[in-house]
Every structure is written in C-alpha cells, then in structure tokens.
Amino acid sequence: MEDSALLEVFEQHEGSSKDFYLNVGPADIGGKPAPWDSAVFAERLRRDVEAVLSLTFDLIRDAADPTGGYTYWYESDERSVSLQMIDPEEGHPFDKVPAWLIIRSRSEKVATWELSAGLYRDLCSLGTYFILAETKHGDLVTANFDVGDDW
C-alpha cells in the first residue's frame, strides 16, 4: 500500500477512535507458520520497535508478566508506546498476532493516527511480521495478511 493510501486509511478512523492497536505476530516462513518461542519473539519485536522508533523501552514486571507474556513501556513528552505480548491461543482470532503495540501522540504537531500509520508502515517494511491494525472499538483499519471476510 502506498504511503498516501495508508495515511488515508488511518486518518479516516480518527473521528471514531483516538487509539489504534497494532496486533503483531511472526510472518510465515516459506508458506508455513514460523516456529513459536515467546521469549525470542518478544525480544526481536522489542528490538525492532526500539530501532524503528529510536527509543529504549522500560521492561515492566521484571522479565515476564504474570500471564507468561512480556510488557514494555516508553514515555516521553512527545509520545507513549506500550508493547504487550502473550502466547497465542490456538483458534483465537488473533492467534497469528499475539502482541499488542499501541503508540499515542502527546504532541500538538503530530496526531496519534499519523504515528500509528508510520509504525505500521515501518514494521511491515521489515517483512518479518504479520500486522493487523484496528481501532480501539475493534474496527479493522488494515492488515498485511488475509484476515478473511468475517471481520
């Protein structure tokens, strides 16, 4: 999707949702699901998000949260970013994308939808993740994989 079309898709949801959730999971390898290792995936995604956004996350609750997942947080005057991940639940609609990534603008100059669209674009460009963007109300914004017709 071209940048202008991607921005338009996110912007059209701004009126109904100030927050956007990027649901992220490992992309298939050779047409088959990537092997799952929650610690390896959490570390790779954390490092990639830090590199894309030029930030360093704080790790919440030592290394893993009580659900067996991972929680990372970043705060500044310009934005806040949270990354949470749990092991996927087979058969769950989001089993391909078990991580939740939320970025919020705290700036008067840049809207949250712009930050979300840019993060979506940059993570998609890595080619290593399935990413589904949705509004806080559960409306599909876009995805880089087939989510089916029942959305």
C-alpha atoms as a PDB file:
ATOM      1  CA  MET A   1       0.000   0.000   0.000  1.00  0.00           C
ATOM      2  CA  GLU A   2       1.372   3.424  -0.911  1.00  0.00           C
ATOM      3  CA  ASP A   3       2.141   5.868   1.899  1.00  0.00           C
ATOM      4  CA  SER A   4      -0.641   8.282   0.952  1.00  0.00           C
ATOM      5  CA  ALA A   5      -3.242   5.499   0.829  1.00  0.00           C
ATOM      6  CA  LEU A   6      -2.008   4.106   4.147  1.00  0.00           C
ATOM      7  CA  LEU A   7      -2.231   7.513   5.812  1.00  0.00           C
ATOM      8  CA  GLU A   8      -5.733   7.968   4.430  1.00  0.00           C
ATOM      9  CA  VAL A   9      -6.873   4.596   5.800  1.00  0.00           C
ATOM     10  CA  PHE A  10      -5.698   5.510   9.307  1.00  0.00           C
ATOM     11  CA  GLU A  11      -6.936   9.109   9.127  1.00  0.00           C
ATOM     12  CA  GLN A  12     -10.473   8.074   8.167  1.00  0.00           C
ATOM     13  CA  HIS A  13     -10.792   6.325  11.548  1.00  0.00           C
ATOM     14  CA  GLU A  14      -9.543   9.298  13.573  1.00  0.00           C
ATOM     15  CA  GLY A  15     -13.042  10.595  14.296  1.00  0.00           C
ATOM     16  CA  SER A  16     -14.247   7.321  15.777  1.00  0.00           C
ATOM     17  CA  SER A  17     -11.065   6.250  17.530  1.00  0.00           C
ATOM     18  CA  LYS A  18      -8.203   8.195  19.024  1.00  0.00           C
ATOM     19  CA  ASP A  19      -6.278   4.957  19.698  1.00  0.00           C
ATOM     20  CA  PHE A  20      -5.095   2.334  17.256  1.00  0.00           C
ATOM     21  CA  TYR A  21      -3.885  -1.134  18.177  1.00  0.00           C
ATOM     22  CA  LEU A  22      -1.265  -2.845  16.069  1.00  0.00           C
ATOM     23  CA  ASN A  23      -1.547  -6.588  16.593  1.00  0.00           C
ATOM     24  CA  VAL A  24       1.762  -8.197  15.622  1.00  0.00           C
ATOM     25  CA  GLY A  25       2.986 -11.740  15.088  1.00  0.00           C
ATOM     26  CA  PRO A  26       5.755 -13.565  13.233  1.00  0.00           C
ATOM     27  CA  ALA A  27       5.245 -13.846   9.472  1.00  0.00           C
ATOM     28  CA  ASP A  28       5.117 -17.253   7.844  1.00  0.00           C
ATOM     29  CA  ILE A  29       8.376 -18.684   6.604  1.00  0.00           C
ATOM     30  CA  GLY A  30       8.171 -20.457   3.252  1.00  0.00           C
ATOM     31  CA  GLY A  31       4.390 -20.570   3.479  1.00  0.00           C
ATOM     32  CA  LYS A  32       4.438 -22.287   6.870  1.00  0.00           C
ATOM     33  CA  PRO A  33       3.878 -20.750  10.317  1.00  0.00           C
ATOM     34  CA  ALA A  34       7.074 -19.569  11.960  1.00  0.00           C
ATOM     35  CA  PRO A  35       8.171 -21.660  14.955  1.00  0.00           C
ATOM     36  CA  TRP A  36       6.928 -20.069  18.163  1.00  0.00           C
ATOM     37  CA  ASP A  37       9.192 -19.076  21.024  1.00  0.00           C
ATOM     38  CA  SER A  38       7.671 -16.302  23.127  1.00  0.00           C
ATOM     39  CA  ALA A  39      10.977 -15.091  24.604  1.00  0.00           C
ATOM     40  CA  VAL A  40      12.694 -14.939  21.211  1.00  0.00           C
ATOM     41  CA  PHE A  41       9.726 -13.233  19.554  1.00  0.00           C
ATOM     42  CA  ALA A  42       9.316 -10.692  22.374  1.00  0.00           C
ATOM     43  CA  GLU A  43      12.995  -9.800  22.231  1.00  0.00           C
ATOM     44  CA  ARG A  44      13.070  -9.470  18.431  1.00  0.00           C
ATOM     45  CA  LEU A  45       9.913  -7.365  18.279  1.00  0.00           C
ATOM     46  CA  ARG A  46      11.113  -5.165  21.152  1.00  0.00           C
ATOM     47  CA  ARG A  47      14.445  -4.542  19.431  1.00  0.00           C
ATOM     48  CA  ASP A  48      12.778  -3.821  16.066  1.00  0.00           C
ATOM     49  CA  VAL A  49      10.280  -1.363  17.583  1.00  0.00           C
ATOM     50  CA  GLU A  50      13.077   0.361  19.503  1.00  0.00           C
ATOM     51  CA  ALA A  51      15.100   0.695  16.276  1.00  0.00           C
ATOM     52  CA  VAL A  52      12.160   1.921  14.189  1.00  0.00           C
ATOM     53  CA  LEU A  53      11.098   4.495  16.800  1.00  0.00           C
ATOM     54  CA  SER A  54      14.589   5.372  18.096  1.00  0.00           C
ATOM     55  CA  LEU A  55      13.707   4.689  21.740  1.00  0.00           C
ATOM     56  CA  THR A  56      14.517   2.317  24.580  1.00  0.00           C
ATOM     57  CA  PHE A  57      11.670   0.534  26.349  1.00  0.00           C
ATOM     58  CA  ASP A  58      11.401   0.086  30.079  1.00  0.00           C
ATOM     59  CA  LEU A  59      10.679  -3.519  30.976  1.00  0.00           C
ATOM     60  CA  ILE A  60       7.710  -3.859  33.296  1.00  0.00           C
ATOM     61  CA  ARG A  61       7.419  -6.610  35.912  1.00  0.00           C
ATOM     62  CA  ASP A  62      10.992  -7.831  35.705  1.00  0.00           C
ATOM     63  CA  ALA A  63      11.267 -10.049  32.603  1.00  0.00           C
ATOM     64  CA  ALA A  64       7.822 -11.575  32.208  1.00  0.00           C
ATOM     65  CA  ASP A  65       4.371 -10.616  33.383  1.00  0.00           C
ATOM     66  CA  PRO A  66       2.098 -12.967  35.394  1.00  0.00           C
ATOM     67  CA  THR A  67       0.352 -14.217  32.227  1.00  0.00           C
ATOM     68  CA  GLY A  68       3.650 -15.561  30.920  1.00  0.00           C
ATOM     69  CA  GLY A  69       3.890 -12.701  28.461  1.00  0.00           C
ATOM     70  CA  TYR A  70       6.048  -9.613  28.192  1.00  0.00           C
ATOM     71  CA  THR A  71       5.227  -5.968  28.805  1.00  0.00           C
ATOM     72  CA  TYR A  72       7.351  -2.998  27.710  1.00  0.00           C
ATOM     73  CA  TRP A  73       6.640   0.710  28.122  1.00  0.00           C
ATOM     74  CA  TYR A  74       8.084   4.005  26.913  1.00  0.00           C
ATOM     75  CA  GLU A  75       7.074   7.535  27.927  1.00  0.00           C
ATOM     76  CA  SER A  76       8.259  10.940  26.714  1.00  0.00           C
ATOM     77  CA  ASP A  77       6.805  14.410  26.233  1.00  0.00           C
ATOM     78  CA  GLU A  78       6.149  13.543  22.582  1.00  0.00           C
ATOM     79  CA  ARG A  79       4.656  10.036  22.763  1.00  0.00           C
ATOM     80  CA  SER A  80       3.920   6.950  24.780  1.00  0.00           C
ATOM     81  CA  VAL A  81       4.406   3.433  23.473  1.00  0.00           C
ATOM     82  CA  SER A  82       3.361   0.141  25.014  1.00  0.00           C
ATOM     83  CA  LEU A  83       4.103  -3.368  23.833  1.00  0.00           C
ATOM     84  CA  GLN A  84       2.422  -6.380  25.389  1.00  0.00           C
ATOM     85  CA  MET A  85       2.708  -9.967  24.298  1.00  0.00           C
ATOM     86  CA  ILE A  86       1.270 -13.262  25.453  1.00  0.00           C
ATOM     87  CA  ASP A  87       1.486 -16.736  23.968  1.00  0.00           C
ATOM     88  CA  PRO A  88      -1.053 -17.179  21.154  1.00  0.00           C
ATOM     89  CA  GLU A  89      -4.175 -19.170  21.864  1.00  0.00           C
ATOM     90  CA  GLU A  90      -4.848 -21.621  19.041  1.00  0.00           C
ATOM     91  CA  GLY A  91      -8.173 -20.984  17.342  1.00  0.00           C
ATOM     92  CA  HIS A  92      -8.404 -17.442  18.720  1.00  0.00           C
ATOM     93  CA  PRO A  93      -8.982 -14.816  16.007  1.00  0.00           C
ATOM     94  CA  PHE A  94      -5.695 -13.140  16.929  1.00  0.00           C
ATOM     95  CA  ASP A  95      -3.559 -16.281  17.284  1.00  0.00           C
ATOM     96  CA  LYS A  96      -1.361 -15.095  14.388  1.00  0.00           C
ATOM     97  CA  VAL A  97      -0.778 -11.713  16.029  1.00  0.00           C
ATOM     98  CA  PRO A  98      -0.348 -12.191  19.816  1.00  0.00           C
ATOM     99  CA  ALA A  99       1.411  -8.875  20.522  1.00  0.00           C
ATOM    100  CA  TRP A 100      -0.357  -5.547  21.075  1.00  0.00           C
ATOM    101  CA  LEU A 101       1.507  -2.412  20.182  1.00  0.00           C
ATOM    102  CA  ILE A 102      -0.015   0.970  20.999  1.00  0.00           C
ATOM    103  CA  ILE A 103       1.559   4.333  20.252  1.00  0.00           C
ATOM    104  CA  ARG A 104      -0.027   7.605  21.372  1.00  0.00           C
ATOM    105  CA  SER A 105       0.964  11.123  20.482  1.00  0.00           C
ATOM    106  CA  ARG A 106       1.364  13.703  23.212  1.00  0.00           C
ATOM    107  CA  SER A 107       2.314  16.363  20.713  1.00  0.00           C
ATOM    108  CA  GLU A 108       0.184  19.139  19.276  1.00  0.00           C
ATOM    109  CA  LYS A 109       2.040  18.742  15.969  1.00  0.00           C
ATOM    110  CA  VAL A 110       1.564  15.031  15.221  1.00  0.00           C
ATOM    111  CA  ALA A 111      -1.658  13.056  15.569  1.00  0.00           C
ATOM    112  CA  THR A 112      -1.808   9.544  17.010  1.00  0.00           C
ATOM    113  CA  TRP A 113      -3.143   8.175  13.718  1.00  0.00           C
ATOM    114  CA  GLU A 114      -0.018   9.520  11.967  1.00  0.00           C
ATOM    115  CA  LEU A 115       2.301   7.808  14.448  1.00  0.00           C
ATOM    116  CA  SER A 116       0.304   4.568  14.177  1.00  0.00           C
ATOM    117  CA  ALA A 117       0.358   4.615  10.373  1.00  0.00           C
ATOM    118  CA  GLY A 118       4.099   5.278  10.319  1.00  0.00           C
ATOM    119  CA  LEU A 119       4.826   2.491  12.792  1.00  0.00           C
ATOM    120  CA  TYR A 120       2.605   0.093  10.821  1.00  0.00           C
ATOM    121  CA  ARG A 121       4.397   1.009   7.573  1.00  0.00           C
ATOM    122  CA  ASP A 122       7.884   0.696   9.064  1.00  0.00           C
ATOM    123  CA  LEU A 123       7.215  -2.664  10.711  1.00  0.00           C
ATOM    124  CA  CYS A 124       5.612  -4.006   7.516  1.00  0.00           C
ATOM    125  CA  SER A 125       8.698  -2.936   5.559  1.00  0.00           C
ATOM    126  CA  LEU A 126      10.814  -5.341   7.632  1.00  0.00           C
ATOM    127  CA  GLY A 127       8.921  -8.243   6.047  1.00  0.00           C
ATOM    128  CA  THR A 128       9.139 -10.365   9.197  1.00  0.00           C
ATOM    129  CA  TYR A 129       5.772  -9.648  10.825  1.00  0.00           C
ATOM    130  CA  PHE A 130       2.076 -10.146  10.310  1.00  0.00           C
ATOM    131  CA  ILE A 131       0.425  -6.898  11.398  1.00  0.00           C
ATOM    132  CA  LEU A 132      -3.248  -6.113  11.846  1.00  0.00           C
ATOM    133  CA  ALA A 133      -4.237  -2.546  12.700  1.00  0.00           C
ATOM    134  CA  GLU A 134      -7.558  -1.948  14.413  1.00  0.00           C
ATOM    135  CA  THR A 135      -9.309   0.859  16.240  1.00  0.00           C
ATOM    136  CA  LYS A 136      -9.942   0.664  19.972  1.00  0.00           C
ATOM    137  CA  HIS A 137     -13.524  -0.247  19.039  1.00  0.00           C
ATOM    138  CA  GLY A 138     -12.390  -3.305  17.050  1.00  0.00           C
ATOM    139  CA  ASP A 139     -12.826  -1.859  13.558  1.00  0.00           C
ATOM    140  CA  LEU A 140     -10.292  -3.189  11.076  1.00  0.00           C
ATOM    141  CA  VAL A 141      -8.045  -0.445   9.703  1.00  0.00           C
ATOM    142  CA  THR A 142      -5.719  -2.600   7.591  1.00  0.00           C
ATOM    143  CA  ALA A 143      -3.638  -5.779   7.698  1.00  0.00           C
ATOM    144  CA  ASN A 144      -0.698  -7.108   5.745  1.00  0.00           C
ATOM    145  CA  PHE A 145      -2.166 -10.633   5.662  1.00  0.00           C
ATOM    146  CA  ASP A 146      -5.540 -12.162   4.820  1.00  0.00           C
ATOM    147  CA  VAL A 147      -7.892 -11.760   7.791  1.00  0.00           C
ATOM    148  CA  GLY A 148     -10.845 -13.318   5.983  1.00  0.00           C
ATOM    149  CA  ASP A 149     -14.275 -11.941   5.176  1.00  0.00           C
ATOM    150  CA  ASP A 150     -15.787 -12.243   8.650  1.00  0.00           C
ATOM    151  CA  TRP A 151     -14.038  -9.238  10.130  1.00  0.00           C
END
